[in-house]
C-alpha atoms as a PDB file:
ATOM      1  CA  UNK A   1     -59.221 -33.594 -94.005  1.00  0.00           C
ATOM      2  CA  UNK A   2     -61.070 -30.425 -94.779  1.00  0.00           C
ATOM      3  CA  UNK A   3     -59.145 -27.948 -96.864  1.00  0.00           C
ATOM      4  CA  UNK A   4     -61.837 -25.270 -96.947  1.00  0.00           C
ATOM      5  CA  UNK A   5     -59.916 -22.132 -95.931  1.00  0.00           C
ATOM      6  CA  UNK A   6     -62.612 -19.594 -96.759  1.00  0.00           C
ATOM      7  CA  UNK A   7     -62.970 -16.665 -94.412  1.00  0.00           C
ATOM      8  CA  UNK A   8     -61.248 -13.501 -93.335  1.00  0.00           C
ATOM      9  CA  UNK A   9     -57.864 -13.315 -91.735  1.00  0.00           C
ATOM     10  CA  UNK A  10     -57.221 -11.152 -88.714  1.00  0.00           C
ATOM     11  CA  UNK A  11     -55.303  -8.633 -90.811  1.00  0.00           C
ATOM     12  CA  UNK A  12     -58.208  -8.281 -93.272  1.00  0.00           C
ATOM     13  CA  UNK A  13     -60.633  -7.658 -90.414  1.00  0.00           C
ATOM     14  CA  UNK A  14     -58.330  -5.038 -88.887  1.00  0.00           C
ATOM     15  CA  UNK A  15     -58.065  -3.229 -92.222  1.00  0.00           C
ATOM     16  CA  UNK A  16     -61.865  -3.145 -92.595  1.00  0.00           C
ATOM     17  CA  UNK A  17     -62.239  -1.809 -89.038  1.00  0.00           C
ATOM     18  CA  UNK A  18     -59.587   0.839 -89.754  1.00  0.00           C
ATOM     19  CA  UNK A  19     -61.443   2.024 -92.865  1.00  0.00           C
ATOM     20  CA  UNK A  20     -64.757   2.165 -91.010  1.00  0.00           C
ATOM     21  CA  UNK A  21     -63.114   4.090 -88.128  1.00  0.00           C
ATOM     22  CA  UNK A  22     -61.622   6.652 -90.526  1.00  0.00           C
ATOM     23  CA  UNK A  23     -65.010   7.183 -92.182  1.00  0.00           C
ATOM     24  CA  UNK A  24     -66.695   7.690 -88.806  1.00  0.00           C
ATOM     25  CA  UNK A  25     -63.999  10.155 -87.728  1.00  0.00           C
ATOM     26  CA  UNK A  26     -64.594  12.167 -90.923  1.00  0.00           C
ATOM     27  CA  UNK A  27     -68.411  12.095 -90.859  1.00  0.00           C
ATOM     28  CA  UNK A  28     -69.371  12.617 -87.179  1.00  0.00           C
ATOM     29  CA  UNK A  29     -67.866  16.123 -86.722  1.00  0.00           C
ATOM     30  CA  UNK A  30     -69.700  17.293 -89.871  1.00  0.00           C
ATOM     31  CA  UNK A  31     -73.016  16.143 -88.430  1.00  0.00           C
ATOM     32  CA  UNK A  32     -72.470  17.996 -85.176  1.00  0.00           C
ATOM     33  CA  UNK A  33     -72.248  21.390 -86.876  1.00  0.00           C
ATOM     34  CA  UNK A  34     -75.600  20.979 -88.604  1.00  0.00           C
ATOM     35  CA  UNK A  35     -77.771  21.408 -85.488  1.00  0.00           C
ATOM     36  CA  UNK A  36     -77.865  25.214 -85.735  1.00  0.00           C
ATOM     37  CA  UNK A  37     -78.909  24.981 -89.389  1.00  0.00           C
ATOM     38  CA  UNK A  38     -81.620  22.459 -88.522  1.00  0.00           C
ATOM     39  CA  UNK A  39     -82.979  24.742 -85.776  1.00  0.00           C
ATOM     40  CA  UNK A  40     -82.968  27.673 -88.189  1.00  0.00           C
ATOM     41  CA  UNK A  41     -84.854  25.810 -90.883  1.00  0.00           C
ATOM     42  CA  UNK A  42     -87.253  24.348 -88.335  1.00  0.00           C
ATOM     43  CA  UNK A  43     -87.993  27.826 -87.050  1.00  0.00           C
ATOM     44  CA  UNK A  44     -88.608  29.150 -90.559  1.00  0.00           C
ATOM     45  CA  UNK A  45     -91.033  26.294 -91.229  1.00  0.00           C
ATOM     46  CA  UNK A  46     -92.849  26.984 -87.931  1.00  0.00           C
ATOM     47  CA  UNK A  47     -93.158  30.671 -88.828  1.00  0.00           C
ATOM     48  CA  UNK A  48     -94.807  29.706 -92.129  1.00  0.00           C
ATOM     49  CA  UNK A  49     -97.254  27.379 -90.392  1.00  0.00           C
ATOM     50  CA  UNK A  50     -98.230  29.883 -87.724  1.00  0.00           C
ATOM     51  CA  UNK A  51     -98.583  32.659 -90.318  1.00  0.00           C
ATOM     52  CA  UNK A  52    -100.981  30.412 -92.256  1.00  0.00           C
ATOM     53  CA  UNK A  53    -103.001  29.929 -89.082  1.00  0.00           C
ATOM     54  CA  UNK A  54    -103.052  33.702 -88.470  1.00  0.00           C
ATOM     55  CA  UNK A  55    -104.438  34.137 -91.991  1.00  0.00           C
ATOM     56  CA  UNK A  56    -107.043  31.419 -91.396  1.00  0.00           C
ATOM     57  CA  UNK A  57    -108.077  33.155 -88.178  1.00  0.00           C
ATOM     58  CA  UNK A  58    -108.430  36.423 -90.091  1.00  0.00           C
ATOM     59  CA  UNK A  59    -110.590  34.771 -92.763  1.00  0.00           C
ATOM     60  CA  UNK A  60    -112.890  33.177 -90.206  1.00  0.00           C
ATOM     61  CA  UNK A  61    -113.071  35.903 -87.568  1.00  0.00           C
ATOM     62  CA  UNK A  62    -112.715  39.039 -89.730  1.00  0.00           C
ATOM     63  CA  UNK A  63    -109.823  40.453 -87.698  1.00  0.00           C
ATOM     64  CA  UNK A  64    -106.307  39.497 -86.768  1.00  0.00           C
ATOM     65  CA  UNK A  65    -105.691  37.924 -83.359  1.00  0.00           C
ATOM     66  CA  UNK A  66    -104.284  40.236 -80.683  1.00  0.00           C
ATOM     67  CA  UNK A  67    -101.431  37.832 -79.928  1.00  0.00           C
ATOM     68  CA  UNK A  68    -100.397  34.204 -80.423  1.00  0.00           C
ATOM     69  CA  UNK A  69    -102.112  33.173 -77.210  1.00  0.00           C
ATOM     70  CA  UNK A  70    -105.430  34.066 -78.868  1.00  0.00           C
ATOM     71  CA  UNK A  71    -104.618  31.518 -81.608  1.00  0.00           C
ATOM     72  CA  UNK A  72    -103.854  28.907 -78.937  1.00  0.00           C
ATOM     73  CA  UNK A  73    -107.088  29.522 -77.070  1.00  0.00           C
ATOM     74  CA  UNK A  74    -109.089  29.455 -80.334  1.00  0.00           C
ATOM     75  CA  UNK A  75    -107.517  26.095 -81.238  1.00  0.00           C
ATOM     76  CA  UNK A  76    -105.613  27.226 -84.327  1.00  0.00           C
ATOM     77  CA  UNK A  77    -102.192  26.305 -82.974  1.00  0.00           C
ATOM     78  CA  UNK A  78    -100.822  24.428 -79.962  1.00  0.00           C
ATOM     79  CA  UNK A  79     -98.993  26.094 -77.112  1.00  0.00           C
ATOM     80  CA  UNK A  80     -95.679  24.549 -78.184  1.00  0.00           C
ATOM     81  CA  UNK A  81     -96.016  26.209 -81.592  1.00  0.00           C
ATOM     82  CA  UNK A  82     -95.446  29.689 -80.144  1.00  0.00           C
ATOM     83  CA  UNK A  83     -91.678  29.088 -79.859  1.00  0.00           C
ATOM     84  CA  UNK A  84     -88.986  27.809 -82.194  1.00  0.00           C
ATOM     85  CA  UNK A  85     -87.155  24.521 -81.532  1.00  0.00           C
ATOM     86  CA  UNK A  86     -84.436  26.499 -79.727  1.00  0.00           C
ATOM     87  CA  UNK A  87     -87.146  27.692 -77.246  1.00  0.00           C
ATOM     88  CA  UNK A  88     -87.157  31.336 -78.386  1.00  0.00           C
ATOM     89  CA  UNK A  89     -90.621  32.784 -78.783  1.00  0.00           C
ATOM     90  CA  UNK A  90     -91.981  33.793 -82.178  1.00  0.00           C
ATOM     91  CA  UNK A  91     -92.550  37.493 -82.771  1.00  0.00           C
ATOM     92  CA  UNK A  92     -96.121  38.525 -83.674  1.00  0.00           C
ATOM     93  CA  UNK A  93     -96.991  42.059 -84.677  1.00  0.00           C
ATOM     94  CA  UNK A  94     -99.838  43.491 -86.773  1.00  0.00           C
ATOM     95  CA  UNK A  95    -100.867  40.169 -88.291  1.00  0.00           C
ATOM     96  CA  UNK A  96     -97.320  39.112 -89.234  1.00  0.00           C
ATOM     97  CA  UNK A  97     -95.330  36.321 -87.615  1.00  0.00           C
ATOM     98  CA  UNK A  98     -91.547  36.433 -87.741  1.00  0.00           C
ATOM     99  CA  UNK A  99     -88.705  34.424 -86.212  1.00  0.00           C
ATOM    100  CA  UNK A 100     -87.037  35.663 -83.035  1.00  0.00           C
ATOM    101  CA  UNK A 101     -84.479  38.379 -83.667  1.00  0.00           C
ATOM    102  CA  UNK A 102     -81.970  37.059 -81.132  1.00  0.00           C
ATOM    103  CA  UNK A 103     -80.821  33.697 -82.543  1.00  0.00           C
ATOM    104  CA  UNK A 104     -77.461  33.249 -80.823  1.00  0.00           C
ATOM    105  CA  UNK A 105     -78.262  29.864 -79.245  1.00  0.00           C
END
């Protein structure tokens, strides 16, 4: 008869599943806490992009836009680029773009 006993036993499979489960339990909670950091960095990157577009508007038009809606209507940015990923609007004043001051989302 065949004496080929290659393969995994039930105990070996249970040990592998236990190790994988422990790794998932350790990793998943750490990923959940990163969303606020991701939103913050995404907002900082958006501020840099919009500020670059404000500067481009200034170079082409000779004056700063009155508000971010002027950039949208002139085609420099899209409407969704006036707010951070957490849906708080960017602050624009005197040719400078900054992130929202209230970031408690």
